[in-house]
């Protein structure tokens, strides 16, 4: 009787081993498992690339706008009205200050005009040596906020964008404010 039981147990073990071997050789569904492993990594890479592209676009747009505003100021008189027009030129793309901002969330209050004399001291009256337009207190807000994704309000990925452009004042004789 014992030999018969042993024989039956051996046959069952061999069948189980054969089933396990066929299960190991079966490759159905492997592609789905690989996709489940790789897809999150690809999505993170795609989102990071998109965010970097948006960041670079906003920074270069702000830098070009600051360059245009500085170029405008180096050819005008040292007057507050021209400062306001230059700020509008940087923010809206025109001196009237109409339309939508070139970058979402940018305000004329974010633009700072600095005039310096030859020694580097800030100059408010007279003919300056250099004119600088700086974008201040402007934060880049990413599309994919990490804090929003994990439901933590305190964790944000806002980055300060602070491009500034300095040019030499081109007028040789001071103009009077009108």
Foldseek 3Di string as FASTA:
>chain_A
DVVVVVVVVVVVVVVVVVVVVVVVVDCPPVVVVVCVVCVVVVVVVVLVVVQVVVVVVVLVLLQVLQVVLQVQVLAAFLDPLSLQQSLLCSFPVGSVNDDHGPDPPDDSVQKDKFFAAPVGHTDRDDDGFKIKIKGHPDWDAGPDFPCVVVVHPVRGDIDTRIHMDMDTRDDPHHDDDD
